[in-house]
Amino acid sequence: MDNLDYRDDPTGGEKSKRVRAVFDTVAQRYDLMNDLMSGGVHRLWKEAMIDWLHPQPGMALLDVAGGTGDIASRFVRRLGRRGVTDLPPVRVCDINELMLKRGMARLARQPNIASAITWLCGDAEQLPIASQSVDAYTIAFGIRNVSHIDRALEEAYRVLRPGGRFLCLEFSAVQIPGLDRLYDAYSRHILPQLGEWVAGDRSAYEYLVASIRRFPDQSCYQMMIEQAGFTHVKVRNLSGGIAALHSAWRI
């Protein structure tokens, strides 16, 4: 596959295998399903992520679990709108080869963006990236799918240079009374049905809903980030806490 550096999953864990299987199934309809499931709101969340990251000239980015290229392409476009022509290294790393292929295919008609991105197939718990080699580490809707969140956070810390930025967008605990019950009912009943109708795989979306339920809430996840060595950890709730952004720094 052109421009794709493939690395095997080093963990061999059952969850890693399940995640690969799930995303193999949904890769071709992944972007459509994101729009349907969120009513397009995921696009606003990702723009908010890029706003908070505030891309700068020379900022080398690693986007983990970013197979479809959503975050990386937004990063490149934002720099382009600012008139930056000498783009820094932008790398996307994902455990799932089909998701990477999907991302490359999506950007094939935008060669100015596609040419700026390097695609790596690898595990978030053992990144194929040198220590202290990137300025920004982003991960959107991927950290909950790793086998060991603490190991993934340690890897994020390892690859960041001192002064580097960690930014994570993930589903979280709804903070608005009433909305939490509505969202719970929606995720239990509507999302798996959408998965069956559109992606042809109800069980894959049942797994994704379960992974959201098991993920730590905002404060617990903040503590995990701090335990990995990061400082200045801040949280921003989006859409009442349906999703949350966690920002931190390696000092």
Protein backbone atom coordinates (compact mmCIF):
# COMPACT_ATOMS: atom_id res chain seq x y z
CA MET A 1 0.00 0.00 0.00
CA ASP A 2 1.53 3.31 -1.10
CA ASN A 3 2.93 5.56 1.62
CA LEU A 4 1.85 3.21 4.43
CA ASP A 5 4.37 1.91 6.95
CA TYR A 6 2.88 -1.30 8.41
CA ARG A 7 3.76 -2.45 11.92
CA ASP A 8 2.21 -5.51 13.55
CA ASP A 9 0.23 -5.20 16.76
CA PRO A 10 2.82 -6.00 19.45
CA THR A 11 0.34 -6.66 22.25
CA GLY A 12 -1.56 -9.63 20.84
CA GLY A 13 -4.34 -8.97 23.38
CA GLU A 14 -7.89 -10.12 22.91
CA LYS A 15 -9.21 -6.56 22.99
CA SER A 16 -6.78 -5.52 20.26
CA LYS A 17 -8.01 -8.37 18.10
CA ARG A 18 -11.64 -7.45 18.75
CA VAL A 19 -11.03 -3.79 17.95
CA ARG A 20 -9.34 -4.72 14.69
CA ALA A 21 -12.25 -6.96 13.74
CA VAL A 22 -14.84 -4.29 14.59
CA PHE A 23 -13.13 -1.60 12.54
CA ASP A 24 -12.45 -3.99 9.66
CA THR A 25 -16.21 -4.39 9.50
CA VAL A 26 -17.18 -0.71 9.71
CA ALA A 27 -14.29 0.98 7.89
CA GLN A 28 -16.11 1.68 4.62
CA ARG A 29 -19.15 3.21 6.35
CA TYR A 30 -17.32 4.71 9.34
CA ASP A 31 -17.58 8.36 8.27
CA LEU A 32 -21.23 8.05 7.26
CA MET A 33 -22.04 6.36 10.55
CA ASN A 34 -20.31 9.14 12.51
CA ASP A 35 -22.51 11.70 10.78
CA LEU A 36 -25.68 9.69 11.37
CA MET A 37 -24.93 8.82 15.00
CA SER A 38 -24.04 12.37 16.04
CA GLY A 39 -26.19 14.34 13.62
CA GLY A 40 -22.95 15.78 12.28
CA VAL A 41 -21.98 17.20 15.67
CA HIS A 42 -18.74 15.17 15.70
CA ARG A 43 -17.46 17.62 13.07
CA LEU A 44 -17.97 20.52 15.49
CA TRP A 45 -16.22 18.58 18.26
CA LYS A 46 -13.22 17.95 16.01
CA GLU A 47 -13.08 21.60 15.00
CA ALA A 48 -13.12 22.50 18.70
CA MET A 49 -10.19 20.12 19.17
CA ILE A 50 -8.20 21.84 16.44
CA ASP A 51 -9.16 25.26 17.83
CA TRP A 52 -7.76 24.33 21.23
CA LEU A 53 -4.65 22.75 19.71
CA HIS A 54 -4.04 25.99 17.78
CA PRO A 55 -1.66 24.60 15.11
CA GLN A 56 1.58 26.52 14.75
CA PRO A 57 4.25 26.56 12.03
CA GLY A 58 6.78 23.84 12.73
CA MET A 59 4.46 21.89 15.08
CA ALA A 60 5.07 18.19 14.33
CA LEU A 61 1.82 16.27 14.86
CA LEU A 62 1.16 12.62 15.66
CA ASP A 63 -2.53 11.70 15.45
CA VAL A 64 -3.15 8.28 17.00
CA ALA A 65 -6.14 6.08 16.11
CA GLY A 66 -6.72 8.58 13.33
CA GLY A 67 -7.17 6.18 10.44
CA THR A 68 -9.65 8.21 8.39
CA GLY A 69 -7.46 11.29 8.56
CA ASP A 70 -10.09 13.60 10.06
CA ILE A 71 -7.84 15.29 12.61
CA ALA A 72 -4.67 15.29 10.51
CA SER A 73 -6.43 16.83 7.50
CA ARG A 74 -8.01 19.51 9.67
CA PHE A 75 -4.58 20.29 11.12
CA VAL A 76 -3.06 20.67 7.63
CA ARG A 77 -5.97 22.80 6.39
CA ARG A 78 -5.75 25.08 9.41
CA LEU A 79 -2.06 25.72 8.76
CA GLY A 80 -2.82 26.27 5.07
CA ARG A 81 -5.45 28.89 5.88
CA ARG A 82 -2.82 30.68 7.93
CA GLY A 83 -0.55 30.80 4.90
CA VAL A 84 1.94 28.20 6.13
CA THR A 85 3.56 26.54 3.10
CA ASP A 86 6.46 24.72 4.77
CA LEU A 87 4.39 22.10 6.58
CA PRO A 88 5.79 20.23 9.60
CA PRO A 89 5.70 16.41 9.81
CA VAL A 90 2.12 15.16 10.17
CA ARG A 91 1.74 11.46 10.97
CA VAL A 92 -1.35 9.31 11.43
CA CYS A 93 -0.99 6.06 13.35
CA ASP A 94 -3.76 3.46 13.54
CA ILE A 95 -3.83 -0.23 14.45
CA ASN A 96 -6.27 -0.99 11.64
CA GLU A 97 -4.95 -1.17 8.09
CA LEU A 98 -8.39 -0.90 6.49
CA MET A 99 -9.09 2.33 8.35
CA LEU A 100 -5.80 3.75 7.09
CA LYS A 101 -6.67 2.71 3.54
CA ARG A 102 -10.01 4.45 3.98
CA GLY A 103 -8.30 7.62 5.14
CA MET A 104 -5.85 7.58 2.24
CA ALA A 105 -8.67 7.03 -0.24
CA ARG A 106 -10.68 9.92 1.23
CA LEU A 107 -7.80 12.34 0.77
CA ALA A 108 -6.64 11.06 -2.62
CA ARG A 109 -8.52 13.89 -4.37
CA GLN A 110 -6.82 16.47 -2.14
CA PRO A 111 -3.15 15.88 -3.01
CA ASN A 112 -1.96 19.03 -1.26
CA ILE A 113 -3.26 17.59 2.01
CA ALA A 114 -2.54 13.92 1.34
CA SER A 115 1.09 14.62 0.45
CA ALA A 116 1.64 16.22 3.85
CA ILE A 117 0.55 13.13 5.80
CA THR A 118 2.49 9.96 6.58
CA TRP A 119 0.43 6.90 7.49
CA LEU A 120 1.67 4.35 10.03
CA CYS A 121 0.03 1.08 11.05
CA GLY A 122 0.86 0.50 14.70
CA ASP A 123 -0.43 0.12 18.24
CA ALA A 124 -1.06 3.06 20.55
CA GLU A 125 0.53 1.04 23.35
CA GLN A 126 3.81 0.63 21.47
CA LEU A 127 4.09 3.44 18.96
CA PRO A 128 6.49 3.11 16.02
CA ILE A 129 7.73 6.63 16.79
CA ALA A 130 11.01 7.79 18.32
CA SER A 131 11.01 9.21 21.84
CA GLN A 132 10.67 12.99 22.17
CA SER A 133 10.05 13.41 18.43
CA VAL A 134 6.67 15.19 18.18
CA ASP A 135 5.28 18.50 19.41
CA ALA A 136 1.63 17.48 19.56
CA TYR A 137 -0.11 14.15 20.18
CA THR A 138 -3.81 13.94 19.37
CA ILE A 139 -6.26 11.09 19.70
CA ALA A 140 -9.97 11.36 18.88
CA PHE A 141 -12.41 8.61 19.87
CA GLY A 142 -9.61 6.07 20.08
CA ILE A 143 -8.23 5.93 23.61
CA ARG A 144 -11.21 3.94 24.90
CA ASN A 145 -10.43 1.16 22.41
CA VAL A 146 -6.90 0.43 23.60
CA SER A 147 -6.29 -2.60 25.82
CA HIS A 148 -4.44 -0.62 28.50
CA ILE A 149 -5.17 3.10 28.74
CA ASP A 150 -2.25 3.68 31.09
CA ARG A 151 0.22 2.22 28.59
CA ALA A 152 -1.16 4.35 25.77
CA LEU A 153 -0.79 7.46 27.93
CA GLU A 154 2.77 6.49 28.82
CA GLU A 155 3.52 6.14 25.12
CA ALA A 156 2.01 9.56 24.45
CA TYR A 157 4.30 11.02 27.09
CA ARG A 158 7.32 9.18 25.66
CA VAL A 159 6.98 10.44 22.08
CA LEU A 160 6.29 14.06 23.04
CA ARG A 161 9.13 16.51 23.29
CA PRO A 162 9.44 18.54 26.53
CA GLY A 163 6.88 21.29 26.15
CA GLY A 164 4.75 19.06 23.92
CA ARG A 165 0.96 19.02 23.96
CA PHE A 166 -1.40 16.07 24.56
CA LEU A 167 -4.98 16.53 23.40
CA CYS A 168 -7.68 13.86 23.56
CA LEU A 169 -11.28 13.95 22.34
CA GLU A 170 -13.42 11.13 23.71
CA PHE A 171 -16.96 10.26 24.70
CA SER A 172 -17.46 10.94 28.39
CA ALA A 173 -20.00 11.22 31.18
CA VAL A 174 -23.02 13.43 30.46
CA GLN A 175 -23.19 16.25 33.01
CA ILE A 176 -26.72 17.57 32.41
CA PRO A 177 -29.58 15.90 34.33
CA GLY A 178 -32.16 14.55 31.94
CA LEU A 179 -29.80 14.59 28.98
CA ASP A 180 -27.92 11.69 30.56
CA ARG A 181 -31.05 9.50 30.49
CA LEU A 182 -31.92 10.49 26.93
CA TYR A 183 -28.39 9.78 25.74
CA ASP A 184 -28.35 6.45 27.56
CA ALA A 185 -31.56 5.36 25.85
CA TYR A 186 -30.31 6.59 22.48
CA SER A 187 -26.99 4.75 22.75
CA ARG A 188 -28.60 1.53 23.98
CA HIS A 189 -31.31 1.26 21.35
CA ILE A 190 -30.79 3.59 18.39
CA LEU A 191 -27.05 3.34 17.76
CA PRO A 192 -26.94 -0.48 17.37
CA GLN A 193 -29.96 -0.29 15.08
CA LEU A 194 -28.23 2.31 12.91
CA GLY A 195 -25.20 0.05 12.81
CA GLU A 196 -27.34 -2.80 11.54
CA TRP A 197 -29.14 -0.71 8.91
CA VAL A 198 -26.21 1.29 7.55
CA ALA A 199 -23.03 -0.67 8.29
CA GLY A 200 -24.64 -4.10 8.29
CA ASP A 201 -23.17 -5.00 11.68
CA ARG A 202 -25.22 -4.48 14.83
CA SER A 203 -22.71 -6.26 17.07
CA ALA A 204 -19.89 -3.90 16.08
CA TYR A 205 -21.87 -0.91 17.29
CA GLU A 206 -23.02 -2.74 20.39
CA TYR A 207 -19.32 -3.14 21.15
CA LEU A 208 -18.66 0.56 20.51
CA VAL A 209 -21.53 1.57 22.83
CA ALA A 210 -20.17 -0.77 25.53
CA SER A 211 -16.70 0.75 25.16
CA ILE A 212 -18.17 4.21 25.78
CA ARG A 213 -19.92 3.00 28.94
CA ARG A 214 -16.74 1.45 30.33
CA PHE A 215 -14.55 4.48 29.72
CA PRO A 216 -13.60 6.51 32.84
CA ASP A 217 -15.46 9.75 33.48
CA GLN A 218 -13.80 13.15 33.13
CA SER A 219 -12.21 13.33 36.58
CA CYS A 220 -10.97 9.72 36.61
CA TYR A 221 -9.44 10.09 33.16
CA GLN A 222 -7.81 13.35 34.24
CA MET A 223 -6.12 11.51 37.10
CA MET A 224 -4.87 8.83 34.72
CA ILE A 225 -3.32 11.51 32.50
CA GLU A 226 -1.61 13.05 35.50
CA GLN A 227 -0.33 9.66 36.64
CA ALA A 228 1.34 9.25 33.24
CA GLY A 229 3.45 12.30 34.05
CA PHE A 230 1.53 15.08 32.33
CA THR A 231 0.91 18.46 33.94
CA HIS A 232 -1.57 21.33 33.53
CA VAL A 233 -4.39 18.91 32.72
CA LYS A 234 -7.60 20.67 31.73
CA VAL A 235 -11.01 19.39 30.66
CA ARG A 236 -13.63 20.93 28.41
CA ASN A 237 -17.04 19.30 28.15
CA LEU A 238 -18.73 19.31 24.76
CA SER A 239 -22.48 18.96 24.25
CA GLY A 240 -23.10 18.66 27.96
CA GLY A 241 -20.38 16.06 28.47
CA ILE A 242 -21.41 13.62 25.75
CA ALA A 243 -17.84 14.20 24.64
CA ALA A 244 -14.93 15.85 26.43
CA LEU A 245 -11.58 17.32 25.49
CA HIS A 246 -8.63 16.65 27.78
CA SER A 247 -5.53 18.82 27.33
CA ALA A 248 -2.18 18.30 29.03
CA TRP A 249 1.49 19.12 28.64
CA ARG A 250 4.77 17.30 28.95
CA ILE A 251 7.13 19.59 30.85
